[in-house]
Amino acid sequence: MIPVMPKKLSAAAANIVAGVKASLSIEPEYTDVAGLHARFGIKRGLAYALLDEGVIEAVSLRRPGQARGKRLFSIKSVRKFIDQQIAQQEAKA
């Protein structure tokens, strides 16, 4: 059964809905490989190559003693890299 939204929300529910809508428009600081691909078209191989070259930044979230974790890439560093690429191409033109 699909729940039906009430026509009029309580004040508390309206505040929650407004907060969720506002948070959806906020740009995150970090993203995973899937987010890089969705936002910038950068696939896993290129992301790790750029990371190895030191042109973008990332952090690995791991629990102590664990070999695997979650790699998050800095969106700010990716945007900076893209801006540098654009500037280089414009300088050549």
N, C-alpha and C. Protein backbone atom coordinates (compact mmCIF):
# COMPACT_ATOMS: atom_id res chain seq x y z
N MET A 1 0.84 -1.17 0.00
CA MET A 1 0.00 0.00 0.00
C MET A 1 0.89 1.25 0.00
N ILE A 2 0.63 2.17 -0.88
CA ILE A 2 1.39 3.40 -1.00
C ILE A 2 0.82 4.43 -0.03
N PRO A 3 1.68 5.01 0.82
CA PRO A 3 1.17 6.02 1.75
C PRO A 3 0.75 7.29 1.00
N VAL A 4 -0.29 7.90 1.50
CA VAL A 4 -0.80 9.13 0.90
C VAL A 4 -0.36 10.30 1.75
N MET A 5 0.22 11.31 1.11
CA MET A 5 0.66 12.50 1.82
C MET A 5 -0.56 13.34 2.20
N PRO A 6 -0.58 13.84 3.42
CA PRO A 6 -1.70 14.70 3.81
C PRO A 6 -1.66 16.01 3.02
N LYS A 7 -2.83 16.59 2.80
CA LYS A 7 -2.89 17.83 2.04
C LYS A 7 -2.20 18.97 2.77
N LYS A 8 -2.32 18.98 4.09
CA LYS A 8 -1.70 20.04 4.88
C LYS A 8 -0.76 19.40 5.89
N LEU A 9 0.51 19.83 5.86
CA LEU A 9 1.51 19.29 6.78
C LEU A 9 1.50 20.07 8.08
N SER A 10 1.88 19.39 9.15
CA SER A 10 2.04 20.10 10.42
C SER A 10 3.25 21.02 10.29
N ALA A 11 3.40 21.95 11.20
CA ALA A 11 4.52 22.89 11.15
C ALA A 11 5.85 22.15 11.23
N ALA A 12 5.94 21.14 12.08
CA ALA A 12 7.18 20.37 12.23
C ALA A 12 7.50 19.62 10.94
N ALA A 13 6.49 19.01 10.34
CA ALA A 13 6.71 18.28 9.08
C ALA A 13 7.09 19.23 7.96
N ALA A 14 6.48 20.40 7.93
CA ALA A 14 6.81 21.39 6.90
C ALA A 14 8.27 21.84 7.04
N ASN A 15 8.75 22.01 8.29
CA ASN A 15 10.14 22.39 8.51
C ASN A 15 11.10 21.30 8.03
N ILE A 16 10.75 20.05 8.26
CA ILE A 16 11.58 18.92 7.82
C ILE A 16 11.64 18.89 6.30
N VAL A 17 10.50 19.02 5.66
CA VAL A 17 10.45 19.01 4.19
C VAL A 17 11.26 20.17 3.63
N ALA A 18 11.15 21.35 4.22
CA ALA A 18 11.91 22.50 3.76
C ALA A 18 13.41 22.27 3.91
N GLY A 19 13.82 21.65 5.01
CA GLY A 19 15.23 21.35 5.23
C GLY A 19 15.77 20.36 4.23
N VAL A 20 15.00 19.35 3.92
CA VAL A 20 15.42 18.35 2.93
C VAL A 20 15.54 18.99 1.55
N LYS A 21 14.59 19.80 1.17
CA LYS A 21 14.65 20.48 -0.13
C LYS A 21 15.87 21.38 -0.21
N ALA A 22 16.16 22.10 0.87
CA ALA A 22 17.32 22.99 0.88
C ALA A 22 18.62 22.21 0.79
N SER A 23 18.69 21.07 1.47
CA SER A 23 19.93 20.29 1.46
C SER A 23 20.20 19.67 0.10
N LEU A 24 19.17 19.44 -0.68
CA LEU A 24 19.37 18.87 -2.01
C LEU A 24 20.06 19.84 -2.95
N SER A 25 19.96 21.13 -2.69
CA SER A 25 20.59 22.12 -3.56
C SER A 25 22.02 22.46 -3.13
N ILE A 26 22.48 21.91 -2.01
CA ILE A 26 23.83 22.19 -1.53
C ILE A 26 24.80 21.24 -2.21
N GLU A 27 25.88 21.81 -2.74
CA GLU A 27 26.91 21.01 -3.40
C GLU A 27 27.76 20.31 -2.34
N PRO A 28 27.93 19.00 -2.44
CA PRO A 28 28.76 18.30 -1.47
C PRO A 28 30.23 18.65 -1.64
N GLU A 29 31.02 18.46 -0.59
CA GLU A 29 32.45 18.72 -0.65
C GLU A 29 33.21 17.54 -1.21
N TYR A 30 32.70 16.33 -0.97
CA TYR A 30 33.36 15.10 -1.41
C TYR A 30 32.35 14.20 -2.10
N THR A 31 32.86 13.35 -2.99
CA THR A 31 32.01 12.38 -3.67
C THR A 31 32.81 11.12 -3.96
N ASP A 32 32.11 10.03 -4.21
CA ASP A 32 32.79 8.78 -4.56
C ASP A 32 32.96 8.71 -6.07
N VAL A 33 33.47 7.58 -6.57
CA VAL A 33 33.71 7.43 -8.01
C VAL A 33 32.42 7.55 -8.80
N ALA A 34 31.33 6.99 -8.29
CA ALA A 34 30.05 7.09 -8.99
C ALA A 34 29.61 8.54 -9.11
N GLY A 35 29.85 9.34 -8.07
CA GLY A 35 29.51 10.76 -8.11
C GLY A 35 30.38 11.53 -9.10
N LEU A 36 31.67 11.16 -9.18
CA LEU A 36 32.56 11.79 -10.17
C LEU A 36 32.05 11.52 -11.58
N HIS A 37 31.63 10.29 -11.81
CA HIS A 37 31.14 9.94 -13.14
C HIS A 37 29.83 10.67 -13.45
N ALA A 38 28.94 10.73 -12.48
CA ALA A 38 27.65 11.40 -12.68
C ALA A 38 27.82 12.91 -12.89
N ARG A 39 28.70 13.53 -12.11
CA ARG A 39 28.85 14.98 -12.18
C ARG A 39 29.76 15.45 -13.30
N PHE A 40 30.86 14.74 -13.51
CA PHE A 40 31.91 15.23 -14.41
C PHE A 40 32.23 14.28 -15.57
N GLY A 41 31.69 13.08 -15.57
CA GLY A 41 32.02 12.11 -16.61
C GLY A 41 33.38 11.46 -16.42
N ILE A 42 33.93 11.57 -15.22
CA ILE A 42 35.24 10.99 -14.91
C ILE A 42 35.02 9.59 -14.37
N LYS A 43 35.56 8.60 -15.10
CA LYS A 43 35.41 7.21 -14.68
C LYS A 43 36.51 6.83 -13.69
N ARG A 44 36.39 5.64 -13.14
CA ARG A 44 37.28 5.17 -12.08
C ARG A 44 38.76 5.23 -12.46
N GLY A 45 39.10 4.72 -13.63
CA GLY A 45 40.50 4.68 -14.05
C GLY A 45 41.12 6.06 -14.12
N LEU A 46 40.43 7.00 -14.74
CA LEU A 46 40.94 8.37 -14.84
C LEU A 46 41.01 9.02 -13.46
N ALA A 47 40.02 8.77 -12.62
CA ALA A 47 40.03 9.36 -11.27
C ALA A 47 41.27 8.93 -10.50
N TYR A 48 41.59 7.64 -10.54
CA TYR A 48 42.77 7.16 -9.81
C TYR A 48 44.07 7.61 -10.47
N ALA A 49 44.09 7.75 -11.80
CA ALA A 49 45.28 8.27 -12.48
C ALA A 49 45.53 9.72 -12.07
N LEU A 50 44.48 10.53 -12.05
CA LEU A 50 44.61 11.93 -11.63
C LEU A 50 45.04 12.03 -10.17
N LEU A 51 44.54 11.12 -9.35
CA LEU A 51 44.93 11.08 -7.94
C LEU A 51 46.41 10.72 -7.81
N ASP A 52 46.87 9.73 -8.57
CA ASP A 52 48.28 9.34 -8.54
C ASP A 52 49.20 10.46 -9.02
N GLU A 53 48.72 11.26 -9.99
CA GLU A 53 49.50 12.39 -10.49
C GLU A 53 49.50 13.57 -9.52
N GLY A 54 48.61 13.53 -8.55
CA GLY A 54 48.54 14.59 -7.55
C GLY A 54 47.76 15.81 -8.00
N VAL A 55 46.97 15.67 -9.06
CA VAL A 55 46.22 16.83 -9.55
C VAL A 55 44.83 16.95 -8.94
N ILE A 56 44.33 15.86 -8.34
CA ILE A 56 43.10 15.94 -7.55
C ILE A 56 43.37 15.30 -6.20
N GLU A 57 42.51 15.61 -5.24
CA GLU A 57 42.70 15.13 -3.87
C GLU A 57 41.58 14.16 -3.49
N ALA A 58 41.93 13.24 -2.59
CA ALA A 58 40.94 12.29 -2.10
C ALA A 58 41.34 11.85 -0.69
N VAL A 59 40.39 11.24 -0.02
CA VAL A 59 40.64 10.70 1.30
C VAL A 59 40.03 9.30 1.35
N SER A 60 40.69 8.40 2.04
CA SER A 60 40.17 7.05 2.20
C SER A 60 39.66 6.89 3.62
N LEU A 61 38.40 6.53 3.74
CA LEU A 61 37.79 6.31 5.04
C LEU A 61 37.85 4.83 5.36
N ARG A 62 38.62 4.48 6.39
CA ARG A 62 38.75 3.07 6.79
C ARG A 62 38.71 2.97 8.30
N ARG A 63 38.19 1.88 8.76
CA ARG A 63 38.24 1.59 10.19
C ARG A 63 39.63 1.03 10.49
N PRO A 64 40.13 1.25 11.70
CA PRO A 64 41.45 0.71 12.06
C PRO A 64 41.52 -0.80 11.83
N GLY A 65 42.60 -1.22 11.20
CA GLY A 65 42.81 -2.64 10.95
C GLY A 65 42.15 -3.17 9.70
N GLN A 66 41.38 -2.35 9.02
CA GLN A 66 40.69 -2.79 7.81
C GLN A 66 41.52 -2.44 6.57
N ALA A 67 41.56 -3.35 5.61
CA ALA A 67 42.29 -3.11 4.37
C ALA A 67 41.47 -2.29 3.38
N ARG A 68 40.16 -2.45 3.43
CA ARG A 68 39.29 -1.75 2.49
C ARG A 68 38.52 -0.65 3.18
N GLY A 69 38.17 0.36 2.40
CA GLY A 69 37.40 1.47 2.93
C GLY A 69 36.61 2.14 1.82
N LYS A 70 36.31 3.39 2.03
CA LYS A 70 35.56 4.17 1.04
C LYS A 70 36.41 5.35 0.64
N ARG A 71 36.70 5.49 -0.66
CA ARG A 71 37.50 6.60 -1.17
C ARG A 71 36.55 7.72 -1.58
N LEU A 72 36.81 8.90 -1.06
CA LEU A 72 36.02 10.08 -1.40
C LEU A 72 36.94 11.12 -2.04
N PHE A 73 36.50 11.68 -3.16
CA PHE A 73 37.28 12.65 -3.92
C PHE A 73 36.78 14.06 -3.62
N SER A 74 37.71 15.00 -3.52
CA SER A 74 37.39 16.39 -3.26
C SER A 74 36.82 17.03 -4.52
N ILE A 75 35.58 17.48 -4.45
CA ILE A 75 34.96 18.14 -5.60
C ILE A 75 35.68 19.44 -5.91
N LYS A 76 36.12 20.14 -4.89
CA LYS A 76 36.85 21.41 -5.09
C LYS A 76 38.11 21.17 -5.92
N SER A 77 38.86 20.10 -5.62
CA SER A 77 40.09 19.83 -6.37
C SER A 77 39.79 19.40 -7.80
N VAL A 78 38.69 18.69 -8.01
CA VAL A 78 38.30 18.30 -9.37
C VAL A 78 37.92 19.53 -10.18
N ARG A 79 37.14 20.43 -9.58
CA ARG A 79 36.77 21.66 -10.27
C ARG A 79 38.01 22.50 -10.60
N LYS A 80 38.96 22.55 -9.67
CA LYS A 80 40.21 23.29 -9.90
C LYS A 80 40.97 22.69 -11.08
N PHE A 81 41.06 21.35 -11.13
CA PHE A 81 41.73 20.68 -12.23
C PHE A 81 41.05 21.00 -13.55
N ILE A 82 39.73 20.93 -13.59
CA ILE A 82 38.99 21.22 -14.82
C ILE A 82 39.21 22.66 -15.25
N ASP A 83 39.16 23.59 -14.30
CA ASP A 83 39.41 25.00 -14.61
C ASP A 83 40.81 25.21 -15.19
N GLN A 84 41.81 24.51 -14.64
CA GLN A 84 43.17 24.60 -15.17
C GLN A 84 43.25 24.07 -16.59
N GLN A 85 42.54 22.98 -16.86
CA GLN A 85 42.52 22.41 -18.21
C GLN A 85 41.90 23.39 -19.20
N ILE A 86 40.82 24.04 -18.79
CA ILE A 86 40.16 25.02 -19.65
C ILE A 86 41.10 26.19 -19.92
N ALA A 87 41.77 26.69 -18.88
CA ALA A 87 42.68 27.82 -19.04
C ALA A 87 43.84 27.47 -19.98
N GLN A 88 44.38 26.25 -19.86
CA GLN A 88 45.47 25.82 -20.73
C GLN A 88 45.01 25.75 -22.19
N GLN A 89 43.81 25.24 -22.40
CA GLN A 89 43.30 25.12 -23.77
C GLN A 89 43.02 26.49 -24.36
N GLU A 90 42.51 27.42 -23.55
CA GLU A 90 42.25 28.77 -24.03
C GLU A 90 43.56 29.51 -24.32
N ALA A 91 44.61 29.23 -23.54
CA ALA A 91 45.90 29.90 -23.77
C ALA A 91 46.52 29.44 -25.08
N LYS A 92 46.27 28.19 -25.46
CA LYS A 92 46.81 27.66 -26.72
C LYS A 92 46.07 28.21 -27.94
N ALA A 93 44.81 28.58 -27.75
CA ALA A 93 43.98 29.04 -28.87
C ALA A 93 44.26 30.47 -29.26
